[in-house]
Amino acid sequence: MSDTTATGTRTPLLRLTGCAKHYGNIIALTGVDLEVCAGEVTCVLGDNGAGKSTLIKIISGMHQHDAGTYEVEGEPVRFASPRDALDRGIATVYQDLAVVPLMPVWRNFFLGSEKRKGFGPFSRLDVDLMRRTTKSELAAMGIDLRDVDQPIGTLSGGERQCVAIARAVYFGAKVLILDEPTAALGVKQAGVVLRYIVQARERGLGVVFITHNPHHAYPIGDRFLILNRGRSIGYHTKDEITREELTSLMAGGAELEQLSHELEQAATAAANGAASPSDAAGTTGRTAPAAEKEEAK
């Protein structure tokens, strides 16, 4: 849990203020503010190219910000690598999950952090401990797998996401960044993942939920950051915005309204253009060439 200040206000686990990132002349992110508190879900919404991936890379230590400040539990930081961020309790679960499909669930759960027993040349993997730990940790998150020895590739997309979340929780994550975990899932599987995100929040983690779907974000979110072309177009707590307002901001309500107005004008112009030839022919229903021939007679 984060500490409290003298005024009783919690210190956020993460805070970005005026954060910006440039790639040469390209402005990928500019002037973005964000807070992630323990026991809260902060949703970052935006369409393709909005800057969500750049924001993930800054928070996770893959890239460094060019302007603004990045604080972890009140301390300014500038991570040199994702390992630095992980050491501070910031874990990122990417959409592709980086699992080995043919390996058992327990091997993927401990991948890169295997438990061993014995010493020196007699050291070996503690398979029984890893199996028991995997099963108990998944059960604690409400995930009831038939067999942790089954290849993780046999699990559904939602189940694989949940294993990745449980793994991050077990290895001490304070902040969990989820990169569009429901993007490639059906309705039922997406609901399963959303339930486990809520469970991670209830266990005191600060969750950053990256998504382009406001219908997934609003039911579980506590804060909402909406990005458009690298800029923040809204940053609200749940009591400040309705689902409809969030959807409108996410979809670019003003842009859609302008587009609708332009389409109406175009339709009116097309209708007027189609009506003008018959007007020129007169009201008797004769075509223009026929009228000219009759006048010649």
C-alpha atoms as a PDB file:
ATOM      1  CA  MET A   1       0.000   0.000   0.000  1.00  0.00           C
ATOM      2  CA  SER A   2       1.117   3.538  -0.618  1.00  0.00           C
ATOM      3  CA  ASP A   3       1.969   5.880   2.233  1.00  0.00           C
ATOM      4  CA  THR A   4      -0.238   8.751   3.350  1.00  0.00           C
ATOM      5  CA  THR A   5       0.758  12.374   3.582  1.00  0.00           C
ATOM      6  CA  ALA A   6       0.247  14.662   6.561  1.00  0.00           C
ATOM      7  CA  THR A   7      -3.144  15.673   5.165  1.00  0.00           C
ATOM      8  CA  GLY A   8      -4.282  12.056   4.990  1.00  0.00           C
ATOM      9  CA  THR A   9      -4.249  11.921   1.190  1.00  0.00           C
ATOM     10  CA  ARG A  10      -2.753   8.773  -0.298  1.00  0.00           C
ATOM     11  CA  THR A  11       0.446   9.080  -2.283  1.00  0.00           C
ATOM     12  CA  PRO A  12      -0.209   7.547  -5.711  1.00  0.00           C
ATOM     13  CA  LEU A  13       1.803   4.485  -6.651  1.00  0.00           C
ATOM     14  CA  LEU A  14       2.463   6.201  -9.988  1.00  0.00           C
ATOM     15  CA  ARG A  15       2.099   9.807 -11.059  1.00  0.00           C
ATOM     16  CA  LEU A  16       2.864  11.317 -14.456  1.00  0.00           C
ATOM     17  CA  THR A  17       2.697  15.105 -14.804  1.00  0.00           C
ATOM     18  CA  GLY A  18       2.954  16.854 -18.170  1.00  0.00           C
ATOM     19  CA  CYS A  19       4.562  13.735 -19.630  1.00  0.00           C
ATOM     20  CA  ALA A  20       5.770  13.935 -23.236  1.00  0.00           C
ATOM     21  CA  LYS A  21       7.636  11.759 -25.722  1.00  0.00           C
ATOM     22  CA  HIS A  22       8.995  12.783 -29.130  1.00  0.00           C
ATOM     23  CA  TYR A  23      10.498  10.643 -31.876  1.00  0.00           C
ATOM     24  CA  GLY A  24      12.369  13.211 -33.920  1.00  0.00           C
ATOM     25  CA  ASN A  25       9.739  15.605 -35.272  1.00  0.00           C
ATOM     26  CA  ILE A  26       6.908  13.233 -34.387  1.00  0.00           C
ATOM     27  CA  ILE A  27       5.048  14.056 -31.185  1.00  0.00           C
ATOM     28  CA  ALA A  28       3.919  10.692 -29.818  1.00  0.00           C
ATOM     29  CA  LEU A  29       2.748  12.010 -26.451  1.00  0.00           C
ATOM     30  CA  THR A  30       2.482  15.471 -24.963  1.00  0.00           C
ATOM     31  CA  GLY A  31       1.188  17.025 -21.744  1.00  0.00           C
ATOM     32  CA  VAL A  32      -0.301  13.824 -20.293  1.00  0.00           C
ATOM     33  CA  ASP A  33      -1.218  13.606 -16.583  1.00  0.00           C
ATOM     34  CA  LEU A  34      -1.963  10.283 -14.909  1.00  0.00           C
ATOM     35  CA  GLU A  35      -2.300   8.882 -11.391  1.00  0.00           C
ATOM     36  CA  VAL A  36      -2.449   5.250 -10.320  1.00  0.00           C
ATOM     37  CA  CYS A  37      -3.452   4.551  -6.721  1.00  0.00           C
ATOM     38  CA  ALA A  38      -3.460   1.313  -4.750  1.00  0.00           C
ATOM     39  CA  GLY A  39      -6.767  -0.495  -4.958  1.00  0.00           C
ATOM     40  CA  GLU A  40      -7.903   1.413  -8.058  1.00  0.00           C
ATOM     41  CA  VAL A  41      -8.240   0.707 -11.765  1.00  0.00           C
ATOM     42  CA  THR A  42      -7.082   3.517 -14.053  1.00  0.00           C
ATOM     43  CA  CYS A  43      -8.385   3.045 -17.595  1.00  0.00           C
ATOM     44  CA  VAL A  44      -6.478   4.523 -20.544  1.00  0.00           C
ATOM     45  CA  LEU A  45      -8.680   4.706 -23.634  1.00  0.00           C
ATOM     46  CA  GLY A  46      -7.920   5.705 -27.180  1.00  0.00           C
ATOM     47  CA  ASP A  47      -8.142   4.587 -30.779  1.00  0.00           C
ATOM     48  CA  ASN A  48      -5.202   3.308 -32.825  1.00  0.00           C
ATOM     49  CA  GLY A  49      -2.418   5.901 -32.866  1.00  0.00           C
ATOM     50  CA  ALA A  50      -3.741   7.677 -29.768  1.00  0.00           C
ATOM     51  CA  GLY A  51      -0.497   7.172 -27.826  1.00  0.00           C
ATOM     52  CA  LYS A  52      -1.485   4.266 -25.583  1.00  0.00           C
ATOM     53  CA  SER A  53       1.531   2.129 -26.531  1.00  0.00           C
ATOM     54  CA  THR A  54       3.932   5.022 -25.963  1.00  0.00           C
ATOM     55  CA  LEU A  55       2.446   5.587 -22.518  1.00  0.00           C
ATOM     56  CA  ILE A  56       2.877   1.894 -21.656  1.00  0.00           C
ATOM     57  CA  LYS A  57       6.509   1.982 -22.748  1.00  0.00           C
ATOM     58  CA  ILE A  58       7.259   4.991 -20.540  1.00  0.00           C
ATOM     59  CA  ILE A  59       5.566   3.539 -17.461  1.00  0.00           C
ATOM     60  CA  SER A  60       7.156   0.099 -17.942  1.00  0.00           C
ATOM     61  CA  GLY A  61      10.680   1.518 -18.390  1.00  0.00           C
ATOM     62  CA  MET A  62      11.094   0.576 -22.032  1.00  0.00           C
ATOM     63  CA  HIS A  63      11.391   4.240 -23.069  1.00  0.00           C
ATOM     64  CA  GLN A  64      12.183   7.392 -21.109  1.00  0.00           C
ATOM     65  CA  HIS A  65       9.999  10.479 -21.163  1.00  0.00           C
ATOM     66  CA  ASP A  66      11.387  13.628 -22.826  1.00  0.00           C
ATOM     67  CA  ALA A  67       9.462  16.157 -20.734  1.00  0.00           C
ATOM     68  CA  GLY A  68       7.379  16.267 -17.580  1.00  0.00           C
ATOM     69  CA  THR A  69       7.858  14.153 -14.461  1.00  0.00           C
ATOM     70  CA  TYR A  70       7.385  10.484 -13.620  1.00  0.00           C
ATOM     71  CA  GLU A  71       7.081   9.588  -9.921  1.00  0.00           C
ATOM     72  CA  VAL A  72       6.838   6.214  -8.198  1.00  0.00           C
ATOM     73  CA  GLU A  73       5.430   6.494  -4.663  1.00  0.00           C
ATOM     74  CA  GLY A  74       6.374  10.173  -4.614  1.00  0.00           C
ATOM     75  CA  GLU A  75       9.948   9.669  -5.871  1.00  0.00           C
ATOM     76  CA  PRO A  76      10.979  11.023  -9.306  1.00  0.00           C
ATOM     77  CA  VAL A  77      12.304   8.191 -11.483  1.00  0.00           C
ATOM     78  CA  ARG A  78      13.801   7.660 -14.903  1.00  0.00           C
ATOM     79  CA  PHE A  79      14.006   3.939 -15.592  1.00  0.00           C
ATOM     80  CA  ALA A  80      16.835   2.618 -17.749  1.00  0.00           C
ATOM     81  CA  SER A  81      15.086  -0.682 -18.545  1.00  0.00           C
ATOM     82  CA  PRO A  82      11.928  -2.698 -17.867  1.00  0.00           C
ATOM     83  CA  ARG A  83      13.891  -4.611 -15.209  1.00  0.00           C
ATOM     84  CA  ASP A  84      14.248  -1.372 -13.223  1.00  0.00           C
ATOM     85  CA  ALA A  85      10.486  -0.870 -13.364  1.00  0.00           C
ATOM     86  CA  LEU A  86       9.870  -4.492 -12.373  1.00  0.00           C
ATOM     87  CA  ASP A  87      12.193  -4.088  -9.384  1.00  0.00           C
ATOM     88  CA  ARG A  88       9.948  -1.222  -8.245  1.00  0.00           C
ATOM     89  CA  GLY A  89       6.878  -3.429  -8.502  1.00  0.00           C
ATOM     90  CA  ILE A  90       5.613  -2.345 -11.944  1.00  0.00           C
ATOM     91  CA  ALA A  91       4.634  -5.389 -14.020  1.00  0.00           C
ATOM     92  CA  THR A  92       3.348  -5.263 -17.588  1.00  0.00           C
ATOM     93  CA  VAL A  93       1.203  -7.938 -19.221  1.00  0.00           C
ATOM     94  CA  TYR A  94       1.301  -7.427 -22.979  1.00  0.00           C
ATOM     95  CA  GLN A  95      -1.383  -8.551 -25.379  1.00  0.00           C
ATOM     96  CA  ASP A  96       0.774 -11.363 -26.843  1.00  0.00           C
ATOM     97  CA  LEU A  97       1.563 -12.552 -23.265  1.00  0.00           C
ATOM     98  CA  ALA A  98       5.014 -13.918 -24.229  1.00  0.00           C
ATOM     99  CA  VAL A  99       4.175 -17.466 -23.135  1.00  0.00           C
ATOM    100  CA  VAL A 100       5.584 -20.750 -24.449  1.00  0.00           C
ATOM    101  CA  PRO A 101       2.472 -22.581 -25.726  1.00  0.00           C
ATOM    102  CA  LEU A 102       3.865 -26.129 -25.469  1.00  0.00           C
ATOM    103  CA  MET A 103       5.153 -25.727 -21.896  1.00  0.00           C
ATOM    104  CA  PRO A 104       2.923 -26.619 -18.919  1.00  0.00           C
ATOM    105  CA  VAL A 105       1.063 -23.900 -17.079  1.00  0.00           C
ATOM    106  CA  TRP A 106       3.379 -24.116 -14.051  1.00  0.00           C
ATOM    107  CA  ARG A 107       6.507 -23.737 -16.208  1.00  0.00           C
ATOM    108  CA  ASN A 108       5.082 -20.596 -17.781  1.00  0.00           C
ATOM    109  CA  PHE A 109       4.044 -19.298 -14.357  1.00  0.00           C
ATOM    110  CA  PHE A 110       7.676 -19.459 -13.149  1.00  0.00           C
ATOM    111  CA  LEU A 111       9.327 -18.800 -16.526  1.00  0.00           C
ATOM    112  CA  GLY A 112      12.592 -16.950 -15.855  1.00  0.00           C
ATOM    113  CA  SER A 113      12.125 -17.174 -12.065  1.00  0.00           C
ATOM    114  CA  GLU A 114      12.272 -20.923 -11.487  1.00  0.00           C
ATOM    115  CA  LYS A 115      12.476 -22.281  -7.930  1.00  0.00           C
ATOM    116  CA  ARG A 116      15.374 -24.617  -7.217  1.00  0.00           C
ATOM    117  CA  LYS A 117      16.404 -26.944  -4.408  1.00  0.00           C
ATOM    118  CA  GLY A 118      19.755 -28.397  -3.473  1.00  0.00           C
ATOM    119  CA  PHE A 119      23.161 -26.746  -3.810  1.00  0.00           C
ATOM    120  CA  GLY A 120      25.964 -26.562  -6.336  1.00  0.00           C
ATOM    121  CA  PRO A 121      26.067 -29.400  -8.864  1.00  0.00           C
ATOM    122  CA  PHE A 122      23.162 -31.085  -7.040  1.00  0.00           C
ATOM    123  CA  SER A 123      20.836 -28.116  -7.592  1.00  0.00           C
ATOM    124  CA  ARG A 124      17.665 -28.963  -9.498  1.00  0.00           C
ATOM    125  CA  LEU A 125      14.233 -27.546 -10.223  1.00  0.00           C
ATOM    126  CA  ASP A 126      11.775 -27.836  -7.353  1.00  0.00           C
ATOM    127  CA  VAL A 127       8.963 -29.059  -9.569  1.00  0.00           C
ATOM    128  CA  ASP A 128       6.595 -30.043  -6.749  1.00  0.00           C
ATOM    129  CA  LEU A 129       6.834 -26.608  -5.123  1.00  0.00           C
ATOM    130  CA  MET A 130       6.213 -24.813  -8.409  1.00  0.00           C
ATOM    131  CA  ARG A 131       3.214 -27.006  -9.227  1.00  0.00           C
ATOM    132  CA  ARG A 132       1.664 -26.490  -5.774  1.00  0.00           C
ATOM    133  CA  THR A 133       2.347 -22.758  -5.822  1.00  0.00           C
ATOM    134  CA  THR A 134       0.887 -22.308  -9.293  1.00  0.00           C
ATOM    135  CA  LYS A 135      -2.306 -24.160  -8.385  1.00  0.00           C
ATOM    136  CA  SER A 136      -2.766 -22.305  -5.070  1.00  0.00           C
ATOM    137  CA  GLU A 137      -2.063 -18.867  -6.561  1.00  0.00           C
ATOM    138  CA  LEU A 138      -4.470 -19.438  -9.416  1.00  0.00           C
ATOM    139  CA  ALA A 139      -7.090 -20.683  -6.954  1.00  0.00           C
ATOM    140  CA  ALA A 140      -6.588 -17.527  -4.849  1.00  0.00           C
ATOM    141  CA  MET A 141      -7.463 -15.478  -7.927  1.00  0.00           C
ATOM    142  CA  GLY A 142     -10.529 -17.654  -8.512  1.00  0.00           C
ATOM    143  CA  ILE A 143      -8.983 -19.582 -11.414  1.00  0.00           C
ATOM    144  CA  ASP A 144      -9.768 -23.299 -11.160  1.00  0.00           C
ATOM    145  CA  LEU A 145      -7.602 -25.168 -13.669  1.00  0.00           C
ATOM    146  CA  ARG A 146      -8.098 -28.869 -14.197  1.00  0.00           C
ATOM    147  CA  ASP A 147      -4.375 -29.583 -14.389  1.00  0.00           C
ATOM    148  CA  VAL A 148      -1.366 -27.228 -14.126  1.00  0.00           C
ATOM    149  CA  ASP A 149       0.623 -29.772 -16.169  1.00  0.00           C
ATOM    150  CA  GLN A 150      -1.438 -29.122 -19.294  1.00  0.00           C
ATOM    151  CA  PRO A 151       0.255 -26.990 -21.985  1.00  0.00           C
ATOM    152  CA  ILE A 152      -0.698 -23.357 -21.572  1.00  0.00           C
ATOM    153  CA  GLY A 153      -1.473 -23.261 -25.296  1.00  0.00           C
ATOM    154  CA  THR A 154      -4.533 -25.447 -24.610  1.00  0.00           C
ATOM    155  CA  LEU A 155      -6.102 -22.739 -22.435  1.00  0.00           C
ATOM    156  CA  SER A 156      -8.489 -20.145 -23.784  1.00  0.00           C
ATOM    157  CA  GLY A 157      -7.298 -16.608 -24.385  1.00  0.00           C
ATOM    158  CA  GLY A 158      -9.086 -15.417 -21.256  1.00  0.00           C
ATOM    159  CA  GLU A 159      -7.515 -18.144 -19.105  1.00  0.00           C
ATOM    160  CA  ARG A 160      -4.023 -17.310 -20.389  1.00  0.00           C
ATOM    161  CA  GLN A 161      -4.585 -13.646 -19.524  1.00  0.00           C
ATOM    162  CA  CYS A 162      -5.664 -14.657 -16.026  1.00  0.00           C
ATOM    163  CA  VAL A 163      -2.567 -16.819 -15.528  1.00  0.00           C
ATOM    164  CA  ALA A 164      -0.409 -13.829 -16.491  1.00  0.00           C
ATOM    165  CA  ILE A 165      -2.258 -11.604 -14.010  1.00  0.00           C
ATOM    166  CA  ALA A 166      -1.900 -14.160 -11.197  1.00  0.00           C
ATOM    167  CA  ARG A 167       1.810 -14.512 -11.984  1.00  0.00           C
ATOM    168  CA  ALA A 168       2.376 -10.764 -11.701  1.00  0.00           C
ATOM    169  CA  VAL A 169       0.517 -10.665  -8.378  1.00  0.00           C
ATOM    170  CA  TYR A 170       2.558 -13.576  -6.987  1.00  0.00           C
ATOM    171  CA  PHE A 171       5.881 -11.992  -7.876  1.00  0.00           C
ATOM    172  CA  GLY A 172       5.081  -8.845  -5.916  1.00  0.00           C
ATOM    173  CA  ALA A 173       3.645  -6.397  -8.415  1.00  0.00           C
ATOM    174  CA  LYS A 174       2.249  -3.204  -6.900  1.00  0.00           C
ATOM    175  CA  VAL A 175       1.188  -1.807 -10.262  1.00  0.00           C
ATOM    176  CA  LEU A 176      -0.207  -4.046 -12.984  1.00  0.00           C
ATOM    177  CA  ILE A 177      -0.286  -2.689 -16.552  1.00  0.00           C
ATOM    178  CA  LEU A 178      -2.608  -4.612 -18.876  1.00  0.00           C
ATOM    179  CA  ASP A 179      -2.197  -3.977 -22.597  1.00  0.00           C
ATOM    180  CA  GLU A 180      -5.654  -4.463 -24.153  1.00  0.00           C
ATOM    181  CA  PRO A 181      -6.255  -7.845 -22.461  1.00  0.00           C
ATOM    182  CA  THR A 182      -9.808  -8.141 -23.835  1.00  0.00           C
ATOM    183  CA  ALA A 183      -9.113  -7.006 -27.409  1.00  0.00           C
ATOM    184  CA  ALA A 184      -9.078 -10.465 -29.030  1.00  0.00           C
ATOM    185  CA  LEU A 185     -11.585 -12.143 -26.720  1.00  0.00           C
ATOM    186  CA  GLY A 186     -15.246 -12.996 -27.037  1.00  0.00           C
ATOM    187  CA  VAL A 187     -17.881 -11.539 -24.738  1.00  0.00           C
ATOM    188  CA  LYS A 188     -17.767 -14.363 -22.171  1.00  0.00           C
ATOM    189  CA  GLN A 189     -13.955 -14.569 -22.018  1.00  0.00           C
ATOM    190  CA  ALA A 190     -13.678 -10.783 -21.764  1.00  0.00           C
ATOM    191  CA  GLY A 191     -16.032 -10.907 -18.792  1.00  0.00           C
ATOM    192  CA  VAL A 192     -13.783 -13.489 -17.115  1.00  0.00           C
ATOM    193  CA  VAL A 193     -10.723 -11.254 -17.521  1.00  0.00           C
ATOM    194  CA  LEU A 194     -12.594  -8.206 -16.209  1.00  0.00           C
ATOM    195  CA  ARG A 195     -13.556 -10.173 -13.091  1.00  0.00           C
ATOM    196  CA  TYR A 196      -9.907 -11.006 -12.408  1.00  0.00           C
ATOM    197  CA  ILE A 197      -8.914  -7.367 -12.893  1.00  0.00           C
ATOM    198  CA  VAL A 198     -11.402  -6.482 -10.161  1.00  0.00           C
ATOM    199  CA  GLN A 199      -9.889  -9.192  -7.947  1.00  0.00           C
ATOM    200  CA  ALA A 200      -6.409  -7.725  -8.476  1.00  0.00           C
ATOM    201  CA  ARG A 201      -7.784  -4.319  -7.448  1.00  0.00           C
ATOM    202  CA  GLU A 202      -9.363  -5.821  -4.335  1.00  0.00           C
ATOM    203  CA  ARG A 203      -5.986  -7.280  -3.376  1.00  0.00           C
ATOM    204  CA  GLY A 204      -4.616  -3.729  -3.251  1.00  0.00           C
ATOM    205  CA  LEU A 205      -2.879  -3.458  -6.621  1.00  0.00           C
ATOM    206  CA  GLY A 206      -3.004  -0.360  -8.762  1.00  0.00           C
ATOM    207  CA  VAL A 207      -4.146  -1.461 -12.218  1.00  0.00           C
ATOM    208  CA  VAL A 208      -3.607   0.388 -15.509  1.00  0.00           C
ATOM    209  CA  PHE A 209      -6.123  -1.025 -17.968  1.00  0.00           C
ATOM    210  CA  ILE A 210      -5.337  -0.079 -21.579  1.00  0.00           C
ATOM    211  CA  THR A 211      -8.316  -0.523 -23.881  1.00  0.00           C
ATOM    212  CA  HIS A 212     -10.249   0.932 -26.787  1.00  0.00           C
ATOM    213  CA  ASN A 213     -13.575  -0.376 -25.483  1.00  0.00           C
ATOM    214  CA  PRO A 214     -15.436   1.981 -23.106  1.00  0.00           C
ATOM    215  CA  HIS A 215     -18.005  -0.741 -22.381  1.00  0.00           C
ATOM    216  CA  HIS A 216     -15.236  -2.845 -20.829  1.00  0.00           C
ATOM    217  CA  ALA A 217     -13.596   0.090 -19.056  1.00  0.00           C
ATOM    218  CA  TYR A 218     -16.522   1.833 -17.392  1.00  0.00           C
ATOM    219  CA  PRO A 219     -17.873  -1.004 -15.171  1.00  0.00           C
ATOM    220  CA  ILE A 220     -14.490  -1.643 -13.496  1.00  0.00           C
ATOM    221  CA  GLY A 221     -12.683   1.701 -13.842  1.00  0.00           C
ATOM    222  CA  ASP A 222     -12.115   4.291 -11.094  1.00  0.00           C
ATOM    223  CA  ARG A 223     -10.282   6.843 -13.275  1.00  0.00           C
ATOM    224  CA  PHE A 224     -10.402   7.384 -17.027  1.00  0.00           C
ATOM    225  CA  LEU A 225      -7.767   8.953 -19.279  1.00  0.00           C
ATOM    226  CA  ILE A 226      -8.844   9.462 -22.895  1.00  0.00           C
ATOM    227  CA  LEU A 227      -6.079   9.981 -25.457  1.00  0.00           C
ATOM    228  CA  ASN A 228      -6.325  11.262 -29.012  1.00  0.00           C
ATOM    229  CA  ARG A 229      -3.235  11.663 -31.210  1.00  0.00           C
ATOM    230  CA  GLY A 230      -0.914  11.794 -28.229  1.00  0.00           C
ATOM    231  CA  ARG A 231      -2.924  14.356 -26.274  1.00  0.00           C
ATOM    232  CA  SER A 232      -5.268  14.009 -23.333  1.00  0.00           C
ATOM    233  CA  ILE A 233      -8.837  14.997 -24.237  1.00  0.00           C
ATOM    234  CA  GLY A 234     -10.245  14.015 -20.851  1.00  0.00           C
ATOM    235  CA  TYR A 235      -9.146  12.791 -17.426  1.00  0.00           C
ATOM    236  CA  HIS A 236     -12.013  12.003 -15.056  1.00  0.00           C
ATOM    237  CA  THR A 237     -12.932  10.030 -11.983  1.00  0.00           C
ATOM    238  CA  LYS A 238     -15.963   7.767 -12.256  1.00  0.00           C
ATOM    239  CA  ASP A 239     -18.289  10.188 -10.454  1.00  0.00           C
ATOM    240  CA  GLU A 240     -17.408  12.919 -12.965  1.00  0.00           C
ATOM    241  CA  ILE A 241     -18.408  11.119 -16.158  1.00  0.00           C
ATOM    242  CA  THR A 242     -21.173   8.828 -17.373  1.00  0.00           C
ATOM    243  CA  ARG A 243     -20.768   5.815 -19.632  1.00  0.00           C
ATOM    244  CA  GLU A 244     -22.427   7.729 -22.473  1.00  0.00           C
ATOM    245  CA  GLU A 245     -20.083  10.710 -22.072  1.00  0.00           C
ATOM    246  CA  LEU A 246     -17.075   8.396 -21.968  1.00  0.00           C
ATOM    247  CA  THR A 247     -18.231   6.634 -25.130  1.00  0.00           C
ATOM    248  CA  SER A 248     -18.788   9.965 -26.871  1.00  0.00           C
ATOM    249  CA  LEU A 249     -15.308  11.228 -25.955  1.00  0.00           C
ATOM    250  CA  MET A 250     -13.742   7.940 -26.974  1.00  0.00           C
ATOM    251  CA  ALA A 251     -15.560   7.919 -30.318  1.00  0.00           C
ATOM    252  CA  GLY A 252     -14.794  11.593 -30.969  1.00  0.00           C
ATOM    253  CA  GLY A 253     -18.293  12.949 -30.420  1.00  0.00           C
ATOM    254  CA  ALA A 254     -17.555  16.406 -31.850  1.00  0.00           C
ATOM    255  CA  GLU A 255     -15.873  14.909 -34.920  1.00  0.00           C
ATOM    256  CA  LEU A 256     -18.787  12.533 -35.520  1.00  0.00           C
ATOM    257  CA  GLU A 257     -21.268  15.389 -35.171  1.00  0.00           C
ATOM    258  CA  GLN A 258     -19.309  17.439 -37.720  1.00  0.00           C
ATOM    259  CA  LEU A 259     -19.113  14.438 -40.056  1.00  0.00           C
ATOM    260  CA  SER A 260     -22.873  13.878 -39.731  1.00  0.00           C
ATOM    261  CA  HIS A 261     -23.500  17.543 -40.592  1.00  0.00           C
ATOM    262  CA  GLU A 262     -21.228  17.295 -43.660  1.00  0.00           C
ATOM    263  CA  LEU A 263     -22.976  14.124 -44.838  1.00  0.00           C
ATOM    264  CA  GLU A 264     -26.362  15.792 -44.494  1.00  0.00           C
ATOM    265  CA  GLN A 265     -25.147  18.748 -46.565  1.00  0.00           C
ATOM    266  CA  ALA A 266     -23.767  16.392 -49.213  1.00  0.00           C
ATOM    267  CA  ALA A 267     -27.049  14.462 -49.349  1.00  0.00           C
ATOM    268  CA  THR A 268     -29.027  17.708 -49.716  1.00  0.00           C
ATOM    269  CA  ALA A 269     -26.740  18.920 -52.480  1.00  0.00           C
ATOM    270  CA  ALA A 270     -27.059  15.598 -54.316  1.00  0.00           C
ATOM    271  CA  ALA A 271     -30.851  15.709 -54.044  1.00  0.00           C
ATOM    272  CA  ASN A 272     -30.958  19.258 -55.411  1.00  0.00           C
ATOM    273  CA  GLY A 273     -28.637  18.279 -58.250  1.00  0.00           C
ATOM    274  CA  ALA A 274     -30.854  15.351 -59.187  1.00  0.00           C
ATOM    275  CA  ALA A 275     -33.960  17.555 -59.223  1.00  0.00           C
ATOM    276  CA  SER A 276     -32.563  20.327 -61.485  1.00  0.00           C
ATOM    277  CA  PRO A 277     -32.761  18.510 -64.931  1.00  0.00           C
ATOM    278  CA  SER A 278     -36.485  17.813 -64.515  1.00  0.00           C
ATOM    279  CA  ASP A 279     -37.075  21.443 -63.547  1.00  0.00           C
ATOM    280  CA  ALA A 280     -35.376  22.588 -66.746  1.00  0.00           C
ATOM    281  CA  ALA A 281     -37.696  20.316 -68.759  1.00  0.00           C
ATOM    282  CA  GLY A 282     -40.789  22.161 -67.546  1.00  0.00           C
ATOM    283  CA  THR A 283     -43.743  21.003 -65.523  1.00  0.00           C
ATOM    284  CA  THR A 284     -45.490  19.066 -68.338  1.00  0.00           C
ATOM    285  CA  GLY A 285     -43.214  16.097 -67.952  1.00  0.00           C
ATOM    286  CA  ARG A 286     -41.682  16.569 -71.477  1.00  0.00           C
ATOM    287  CA  THR A 287     -37.940  16.156 -71.873  1.00  0.00           C
ATOM    288  CA  ALA A 288     -35.909  19.190 -72.909  1.00  0.00           C
ATOM    289  CA  PRO A 289     -35.136  17.936 -76.466  1.00  0.00           C
ATOM    290  CA  ALA A 290     -38.822  17.166 -77.063  1.00  0.00           C
ATOM    291  CA  ALA A 291     -39.799  20.672 -75.962  1.00  0.00           C
ATOM    292  CA  GLU A 292     -37.260  22.231 -78.325  1.00  0.00           C
ATOM    293  CA  LYS A 293     -38.605  20.217 -81.312  1.00  0.00           C
ATOM    294  CA  GLU A 294     -42.185  21.292 -80.580  1.00  0.00           C
ATOM    295  CA  GLU A 295     -41.183  24.956 -80.443  1.00  0.00           C
ATOM    296  CA  ALA A 296     -39.389  24.604 -83.818  1.00  0.00           C
ATOM    297  CA  LYS A 297     -42.622  23.474 -85.430  1.00  0.00           C
END
